[in-house]
Amino acid sequence: ISLTVILAIGMQQILRRKALVRRLLAAETLGSVNVICTDKTGTLTEGKPVVTDILGDKNVLQIAGSIENKSEHSLAQAIVNKAQEEKIDLLPVQNFQAIAGQGVSAVLQDKKVLLGTRKLMTDNRIDPSAWEEKIVKLENEGKTVMILATNNNIAGLIAVADTLKDYSKEAVSALHKMGIKTIMITGDNVRTAKAIARQVGIDNVLADVLPEEKAAKI
């Protein structure tokens, strides 16, 4: 077998104890492993993202928190938590919709609100280029950036970051010493994914991958 892939469930164990790598590789069924592919969120990272940056209008956090209060995504929860920490009143929304891999949309105070990726903006004929420099800077820091637009005008940005697990870098280094290449698969865009990969020492990334696409990408 020229290539064997271990998914996140195996990597989570690897991250708990580096010594487990040797036991895994000693098993006859895994003797030919030369590549490990791992998810990012909850595997390399703690899976508990927090808001790090808010740029734009003064009500960006209130609007974003109000619409994300309808979502169960971990990034949404980070925004809601931040709004609650700031004691910001969340407003009622209508017509909430989650767009897989892109973000969310809703109606708030008779205004159409979008919060998500560049693609979400461009698909709705909103040009995010005026904010590109700020977005790129945040992404190069390994942060996930969400663009907020109301009535087709960009109001601001919210950046969210997740903390790396204590053993992530150590575990990846141990794998490299054993001649095993590492790949991280994530829904993050390429720039953010590569920034995280650099911090951990991951060899390569599969970015912009929707959850239902991960098996096919591997």
C-alpha atoms as a PDB file:
ATOM      1  CA  ILE A   1       0.000   0.000   0.000  1.00  0.00           C
ATOM      2  CA  SER A   2       1.586   3.275  -1.093  1.00  0.00           C
ATOM      3  CA  LEU A   3      -0.716   5.514   0.942  1.00  0.00           C
ATOM      4  CA  THR A   4      -2.716   4.951   4.091  1.00  0.00           C
ATOM      5  CA  VAL A   5      -4.825   7.653   5.714  1.00  0.00           C
ATOM      6  CA  ILE A   6      -5.825   7.848   9.368  1.00  0.00           C
ATOM      7  CA  LEU A   7      -8.797  10.111  10.031  1.00  0.00           C
ATOM      8  CA  ALA A   8      -9.375  12.467  12.938  1.00  0.00           C
ATOM      9  CA  ILE A   9     -10.451   9.789  15.403  1.00  0.00           C
ATOM     10  CA  GLY A  10      -6.950   8.324  15.277  1.00  0.00           C
ATOM     11  CA  MET A  11      -5.244  11.712  15.414  1.00  0.00           C
ATOM     12  CA  GLN A  12      -7.144  12.680  18.540  1.00  0.00           C
ATOM     13  CA  GLN A  13      -5.571   9.733  20.304  1.00  0.00           C
ATOM     14  CA  ILE A  14      -2.165  10.624  18.901  1.00  0.00           C
ATOM     15  CA  LEU A  15      -2.503  14.128  20.300  1.00  0.00           C
ATOM     16  CA  ARG A  16      -3.270  12.825  23.784  1.00  0.00           C
ATOM     17  CA  ARG A  17      -0.071  10.843  24.066  1.00  0.00           C
ATOM     18  CA  LYS A  18       2.824  10.971  21.657  1.00  0.00           C
ATOM     19  CA  ALA A  19       3.913   7.499  22.684  1.00  0.00           C
ATOM     20  CA  LEU A  20       0.710   6.087  21.202  1.00  0.00           C
ATOM     21  CA  VAL A  21       2.096   6.808  17.737  1.00  0.00           C
ATOM     22  CA  ARG A  22       4.721   4.127  18.180  1.00  0.00           C
ATOM     23  CA  ARG A  23       2.141   1.617  19.372  1.00  0.00           C
ATOM     24  CA  LEU A  24      -0.111   2.385  16.434  1.00  0.00           C
ATOM     25  CA  LEU A  25       2.685   2.044  13.926  1.00  0.00           C
ATOM     26  CA  ALA A  26       3.806  -1.201  15.500  1.00  0.00           C
ATOM     27  CA  ALA A  27       0.482  -2.773  14.614  1.00  0.00           C
ATOM     28  CA  GLU A  28       0.682  -4.990  11.565  1.00  0.00           C
ATOM     29  CA  THR A  29      -2.333  -3.353   9.941  1.00  0.00           C
ATOM     30  CA  LEU A  30      -0.681   0.082  10.114  1.00  0.00           C
ATOM     31  CA  GLY A  31       2.817  -0.910   9.146  1.00  0.00           C
ATOM     32  CA  SER A  32       2.555   0.743   5.743  1.00  0.00           C
ATOM     33  CA  VAL A  33       1.285   4.139   6.964  1.00  0.00           C
ATOM     34  CA  ASN A  34       3.180   7.037   5.401  1.00  0.00           C
ATOM     35  CA  VAL A  35       0.557   9.794   5.466  1.00  0.00           C
ATOM     36  CA  ILE A  36      -1.849  10.916   8.178  1.00  0.00           C
ATOM     37  CA  CYS A  37      -4.726  13.265   7.365  1.00  0.00           C
ATOM     38  CA  THR A  38      -6.355  15.046  10.267  1.00  0.00           C
ATOM     39  CA  ASP A  39      -9.214  17.459  10.742  1.00  0.00           C
ATOM     40  CA  LYS A  40      -8.414  20.836  12.315  1.00  0.00           C
ATOM     41  CA  THR A  41     -11.231  21.852  14.633  1.00  0.00           C
ATOM     42  CA  GLY A  42     -11.388  19.745  17.769  1.00  0.00           C
ATOM     43  CA  THR A  43      -8.405  17.642  16.679  1.00  0.00           C
ATOM     44  CA  LEU A  44      -5.453  19.972  16.241  1.00  0.00           C
ATOM     45  CA  THR A  45      -7.342  22.737  18.030  1.00  0.00           C
ATOM     46  CA  GLU A  46      -9.456  22.801  21.182  1.00  0.00           C
ATOM     47  CA  GLY A  47     -12.646  23.322  19.190  1.00  0.00           C
ATOM     48  CA  LYS A  48     -13.551  26.340  21.322  1.00  0.00           C
ATOM     49  CA  PRO A  49     -13.043  29.397  19.101  1.00  0.00           C
ATOM     50  CA  VAL A  50     -13.186  32.927  20.484  1.00  0.00           C
ATOM     51  CA  VAL A  51     -13.682  36.337  18.891  1.00  0.00           C
ATOM     52  CA  THR A  52     -10.355  38.132  18.493  1.00  0.00           C
ATOM     53  CA  ASP A  53     -11.133  41.164  16.316  1.00  0.00           C
ATOM     54  CA  ILE A  54     -14.169  43.294  15.461  1.00  0.00           C
ATOM     55  CA  LEU A  55     -13.832  45.920  12.751  1.00  0.00           C
ATOM     56  CA  GLY A  56     -16.397  48.306  11.313  1.00  0.00           C
ATOM     57  CA  ASP A  57     -19.603  49.887  12.540  1.00  0.00           C
ATOM     58  CA  LYS A  58     -20.269  50.091  16.297  1.00  0.00           C
ATOM     59  CA  ASN A  59     -23.243  47.721  16.040  1.00  0.00           C
ATOM     60  CA  VAL A  60     -21.377  44.930  14.186  1.00  0.00           C
ATOM     61  CA  LEU A  61     -21.278  42.643  17.215  1.00  0.00           C
ATOM     62  CA  GLN A  62     -24.943  43.187  18.059  1.00  0.00           C
ATOM     63  CA  ILE A  63     -26.067  42.368  14.510  1.00  0.00           C
ATOM     64  CA  ALA A  64     -23.758  39.382  14.164  1.00  0.00           C
ATOM     65  CA  GLY A  65     -24.647  38.035  17.600  1.00  0.00           C
ATOM     66  CA  SER A  66     -28.359  38.388  16.896  1.00  0.00           C
ATOM     67  CA  ILE A  67     -28.322  36.330  13.715  1.00  0.00           C
ATOM     68  CA  GLU A  68     -25.771  33.790  14.933  1.00  0.00           C
ATOM     69  CA  ASN A  69     -27.927  33.155  17.994  1.00  0.00           C
ATOM     70  CA  LYS A  70     -29.999  30.996  15.654  1.00  0.00           C
ATOM     71  CA  SER A  71     -27.019  28.855  14.657  1.00  0.00           C
ATOM     72  CA  GLU A  72     -25.402  25.870  16.391  1.00  0.00           C
ATOM     73  CA  HIS A  73     -22.007  26.257  14.683  1.00  0.00           C
ATOM     74  CA  SER A  74     -18.986  26.686  16.984  1.00  0.00           C
ATOM     75  CA  LEU A  75     -18.005  29.959  15.270  1.00  0.00           C
ATOM     76  CA  ALA A  76     -21.539  31.247  15.794  1.00  0.00           C
ATOM     77  CA  GLN A  77     -21.362  30.361  19.472  1.00  0.00           C
ATOM     78  CA  ALA A  78     -18.096  32.294  19.799  1.00  0.00           C
ATOM     79  CA  ILE A  79     -19.814  35.428  18.476  1.00  0.00           C
ATOM     80  CA  VAL A  80     -22.861  34.980  20.713  1.00  0.00           C
ATOM     81  CA  ASN A  81     -20.598  34.448  23.727  1.00  0.00           C
ATOM     82  CA  LYS A  82     -18.705  37.641  22.932  1.00  0.00           C
ATOM     83  CA  ALA A  83     -21.935  39.620  22.661  1.00  0.00           C
ATOM     84  CA  GLN A  84     -23.094  38.247  25.997  1.00  0.00           C
ATOM     85  CA  GLU A  85     -19.750  39.096  27.615  1.00  0.00           C
ATOM     86  CA  GLU A  86     -20.176  42.664  26.378  1.00  0.00           C
ATOM     87  CA  LYS A  87     -23.747  42.664  27.768  1.00  0.00           C
ATOM     88  CA  ILE A  88     -25.167  43.461  24.347  1.00  0.00           C
ATOM     89  CA  ASP A  89     -28.893  42.920  23.837  1.00  0.00           C
ATOM     90  CA  LEU A  90     -29.582  40.456  21.027  1.00  0.00           C
ATOM     91  CA  LEU A  91     -32.362  41.393  18.626  1.00  0.00           C
ATOM     92  CA  PRO A  92     -35.062  39.151  17.122  1.00  0.00           C
ATOM     93  CA  VAL A  93     -34.462  37.980  13.564  1.00  0.00           C
ATOM     94  CA  GLN A  94     -36.593  36.446  10.845  1.00  0.00           C
ATOM     95  CA  ASN A  95     -35.931  34.159   7.870  1.00  0.00           C
ATOM     96  CA  PHE A  96     -32.714  32.743   9.284  1.00  0.00           C
ATOM     97  CA  GLN A  97     -30.868  30.510   6.856  1.00  0.00           C
ATOM     98  CA  ALA A  98     -27.531  28.691   7.136  1.00  0.00           C
ATOM     99  CA  ILE A  99     -25.607  28.381   3.869  1.00  0.00           C
ATOM    100  CA  ALA A 100     -23.243  25.403   4.078  1.00  0.00           C
ATOM    101  CA  GLY A 101     -19.602  26.419   3.947  1.00  0.00           C
ATOM    102  CA  GLN A 102     -20.427  30.096   3.441  1.00  0.00           C
ATOM    103  CA  GLY A 103     -22.262  31.585   6.400  1.00  0.00           C
ATOM    104  CA  VAL A 104     -25.749  32.724   7.338  1.00  0.00           C
ATOM    105  CA  SER A 105     -28.454  35.113   6.213  1.00  0.00           C
ATOM    106  CA  ALA A 106     -31.427  36.622   8.021  1.00  0.00           C
ATOM    107  CA  VAL A 107     -33.696  39.633   8.234  1.00  0.00           C
ATOM    108  CA  LEU A 108     -33.144  41.967  11.181  1.00  0.00           C
ATOM    109  CA  GLN A 109     -35.164  45.183  11.664  1.00  0.00           C
ATOM    110  CA  ASP A 110     -36.372  44.926   8.044  1.00  0.00           C
ATOM    111  CA  LYS A 111     -32.783  44.708   6.778  1.00  0.00           C
ATOM    112  CA  LYS A 112     -31.268  41.753   4.957  1.00  0.00           C
ATOM    113  CA  VAL A 113     -28.172  40.631   6.838  1.00  0.00           C
ATOM    114  CA  LEU A 114     -25.396  38.364   5.568  1.00  0.00           C
ATOM    115  CA  LEU A 115     -22.490  37.082   7.638  1.00  0.00           C
ATOM    116  CA  GLY A 116     -19.844  34.819   6.177  1.00  0.00           C
ATOM    117  CA  THR A 117     -17.231  34.298   3.511  1.00  0.00           C
ATOM    118  CA  ARG A 118     -16.171  36.236   0.451  1.00  0.00           C
ATOM    119  CA  LYS A 119     -18.143  33.766  -1.658  1.00  0.00           C
ATOM    120  CA  LEU A 120     -21.296  34.532   0.293  1.00  0.00           C
ATOM    121  CA  MET A 121     -20.749  38.198  -0.501  1.00  0.00           C
ATOM    122  CA  THR A 122     -19.956  37.767  -4.200  1.00  0.00           C
ATOM    123  CA  ASP A 123     -22.834  35.322  -4.674  1.00  0.00           C
ATOM    124  CA  ASN A 124     -25.076  38.144  -3.434  1.00  0.00           C
ATOM    125  CA  ARG A 125     -23.379  40.730  -5.677  1.00  0.00           C
ATOM    126  CA  ILE A 126     -21.525  42.424  -2.820  1.00  0.00           C
ATOM    127  CA  ASP A 127     -17.933  43.458  -3.507  1.00  0.00           C
ATOM    128  CA  PRO A 128     -15.641  42.886  -0.481  1.00  0.00           C
ATOM    129  CA  SER A 129     -12.491  44.210  -2.158  1.00  0.00           C
ATOM    130  CA  ALA A 130     -12.368  47.420  -0.090  1.00  0.00           C
ATOM    131  CA  TRP A 131     -11.855  45.245   2.991  1.00  0.00           C
ATOM    132  CA  GLU A 132      -9.430  42.795   1.396  1.00  0.00           C
ATOM    133  CA  GLU A 133      -6.253  44.149   2.983  1.00  0.00           C
ATOM    134  CA  LYS A 134      -7.729  43.850   6.482  1.00  0.00           C
ATOM    135  CA  ILE A 135      -9.128  40.390   5.725  1.00  0.00           C
ATOM    136  CA  VAL A 136      -5.798  39.106   4.423  1.00  0.00           C
ATOM    137  CA  LYS A 137      -3.946  40.438   7.467  1.00  0.00           C
ATOM    138  CA  LEU A 138      -6.275  38.583   9.825  1.00  0.00           C
ATOM    139  CA  GLU A 139      -6.186  35.388   7.781  1.00  0.00           C
ATOM    140  CA  ASN A 140      -2.382  35.428   7.777  1.00  0.00           C
ATOM    141  CA  GLU A 141      -2.621  35.347  11.574  1.00  0.00           C
ATOM    142  CA  GLY A 142      -4.557  32.083  11.334  1.00  0.00           C
ATOM    143  CA  LYS A 143      -7.935  33.646  12.076  1.00  0.00           C
ATOM    144  CA  THR A 144     -11.253  32.866  10.430  1.00  0.00           C
ATOM    145  CA  VAL A 145     -12.776  36.092   9.120  1.00  0.00           C
ATOM    146  CA  MET A 146     -16.502  36.637   8.678  1.00  0.00           C
ATOM    147  CA  ILE A 147     -17.794  39.551   6.638  1.00  0.00           C
ATOM    148  CA  LEU A 148     -20.967  41.295   7.779  1.00  0.00           C
ATOM    149  CA  ALA A 149     -23.229  43.005   5.254  1.00  0.00           C
ATOM    150  CA  THR A 150     -26.564  44.757   5.760  1.00  0.00           C
ATOM    151  CA  ASN A 151     -28.752  45.654   2.790  1.00  0.00           C
ATOM    152  CA  ASN A 152     -25.884  44.785   0.412  1.00  0.00           C
ATOM    153  CA  ASN A 153     -23.370  47.083   2.125  1.00  0.00           C
ATOM    154  CA  ILE A 154     -20.445  45.710   4.123  1.00  0.00           C
ATOM    155  CA  ALA A 155     -20.675  46.902   7.730  1.00  0.00           C
ATOM    156  CA  GLY A 156     -17.587  45.219   9.145  1.00  0.00           C
ATOM    157  CA  LEU A 157     -15.590  42.103   9.953  1.00  0.00           C
ATOM    158  CA  ILE A 158     -15.447  39.654  12.823  1.00  0.00           C
ATOM    159  CA  ALA A 159     -12.381  37.442  13.243  1.00  0.00           C
ATOM    160  CA  VAL A 160     -12.425  34.242  15.274  1.00  0.00           C
ATOM    161  CA  ALA A 161      -9.542  32.000  16.312  1.00  0.00           C
ATOM    162  CA  ASP A 162      -9.218  28.601  17.956  1.00  0.00           C
ATOM    163  CA  THR A 163      -6.467  27.560  20.391  1.00  0.00           C
ATOM    164  CA  LEU A 164      -4.104  24.785  19.363  1.00  0.00           C
ATOM    165  CA  LYS A 165      -4.057  21.734  21.615  1.00  0.00           C
ATOM    166  CA  ASP A 166      -0.986  21.404  23.818  1.00  0.00           C
ATOM    167  CA  TYR A 167       0.334  18.313  22.057  1.00  0.00           C
ATOM    168  CA  SER A 168      -0.467  19.220  18.449  1.00  0.00           C
ATOM    169  CA  LYS A 169       2.960  20.501  17.442  1.00  0.00           C
ATOM    170  CA  GLU A 170       4.736  17.786  19.415  1.00  0.00           C
ATOM    171  CA  ALA A 171       2.641  15.003  17.880  1.00  0.00           C
ATOM    172  CA  VAL A 172       3.168  16.277  14.335  1.00  0.00           C
ATOM    173  CA  SER A 173       6.907  16.529  14.964  1.00  0.00           C
ATOM    174  CA  ALA A 174       6.942  12.927  16.223  1.00  0.00           C
ATOM    175  CA  LEU A 175       5.179  11.763  13.071  1.00  0.00           C
ATOM    176  CA  HIS A 176       7.706  13.558  10.876  1.00  0.00           C
ATOM    177  CA  LYS A 177      10.579  11.880  12.708  1.00  0.00           C
ATOM    178  CA  MET A 178       8.990   8.554  11.781  1.00  0.00           C
ATOM    179  CA  GLY A 179       8.884   9.528   8.130  1.00  0.00           C
ATOM    180  CA  ILE A 180       5.137  10.171   8.063  1.00  0.00           C
ATOM    181  CA  LYS A 181       3.768  13.138   6.130  1.00  0.00           C
ATOM    182  CA  THR A 182       0.861  15.110   7.575  1.00  0.00           C
ATOM    183  CA  ILE A 183      -2.151  16.743   5.918  1.00  0.00           C
ATOM    184  CA  MET A 184      -4.776  18.956   7.531  1.00  0.00           C
ATOM    185  CA  ILE A 185      -8.280  19.042   6.079  1.00  0.00           C
ATOM    186  CA  THR A 186     -10.531  21.983   6.931  1.00  0.00           C
ATOM    187  CA  GLY A 187     -13.367  24.186   5.810  1.00  0.00           C
ATOM    188  CA  ASP A 188     -11.150  27.246   6.346  1.00  0.00           C
ATOM    189  CA  ASN A 189      -9.879  29.146   3.319  1.00  0.00           C
ATOM    190  CA  VAL A 190      -6.386  28.408   2.044  1.00  0.00           C
ATOM    191  CA  ARG A 191      -4.681  31.412   3.669  1.00  0.00           C
ATOM    192  CA  THR A 192      -6.055  30.726   7.154  1.00  0.00           C
ATOM    193  CA  ALA A 193      -5.432  26.987   6.808  1.00  0.00           C
ATOM    194  CA  LYS A 194      -1.810  27.492   5.794  1.00  0.00           C
ATOM    195  CA  ALA A 195      -1.231  29.866   8.701  1.00  0.00           C
ATOM    196  CA  ILE A 196      -2.463  27.210  11.148  1.00  0.00           C
ATOM    197  CA  ALA A 197      -0.455  24.522   9.359  1.00  0.00           C
ATOM    198  CA  ARG A 198       2.726  26.587   9.732  1.00  0.00           C
ATOM    199  CA  GLN A 199       2.169  26.915  13.472  1.00  0.00           C
ATOM    200  CA  VAL A 200       1.844  23.158  13.903  1.00  0.00           C
ATOM    201  CA  GLY A 201       4.292  22.032  11.235  1.00  0.00           C
ATOM    202  CA  ILE A 202       1.732  20.313   9.005  1.00  0.00           C
ATOM    203  CA  ASP A 203       3.104  19.431   5.548  1.00  0.00           C
ATOM    204  CA  ASN A 204       0.075  20.200   3.416  1.00  0.00           C
ATOM    205  CA  VAL A 205      -3.534  21.375   3.623  1.00  0.00           C
ATOM    206  CA  LEU A 206      -6.843  20.595   1.987  1.00  0.00           C
ATOM    207  CA  ALA A 207      -8.803  23.836   2.470  1.00  0.00           C
ATOM    208  CA  ASP A 208     -12.291  25.124   1.616  1.00  0.00           C
ATOM    209  CA  VAL A 209     -13.654  21.598   2.075  1.00  0.00           C
ATOM    210  CA  LEU A 210     -17.297  21.197   3.098  1.00  0.00           C
ATOM    211  CA  PRO A 211     -18.013  18.519   5.729  1.00  0.00           C
ATOM    212  CA  GLU A 212     -19.767  16.277   3.237  1.00  0.00           C
ATOM    213  CA  GLU A 213     -16.834  16.556   0.819  1.00  0.00           C
ATOM    214  CA  LYS A 214     -14.063  15.453   3.182  1.00  0.00           C
ATOM    215  CA  ALA A 215     -14.186  11.723   2.449  1.00  0.00           C
ATOM    216  CA  ALA A 216     -14.095  12.341  -1.304  1.00  0.00           C
ATOM    217  CA  LYS A 217     -11.175  14.792  -0.966  1.00  0.00           C
ATOM    218  CA  ILE A 218      -9.153  12.231   0.955  1.00  0.00           C
END
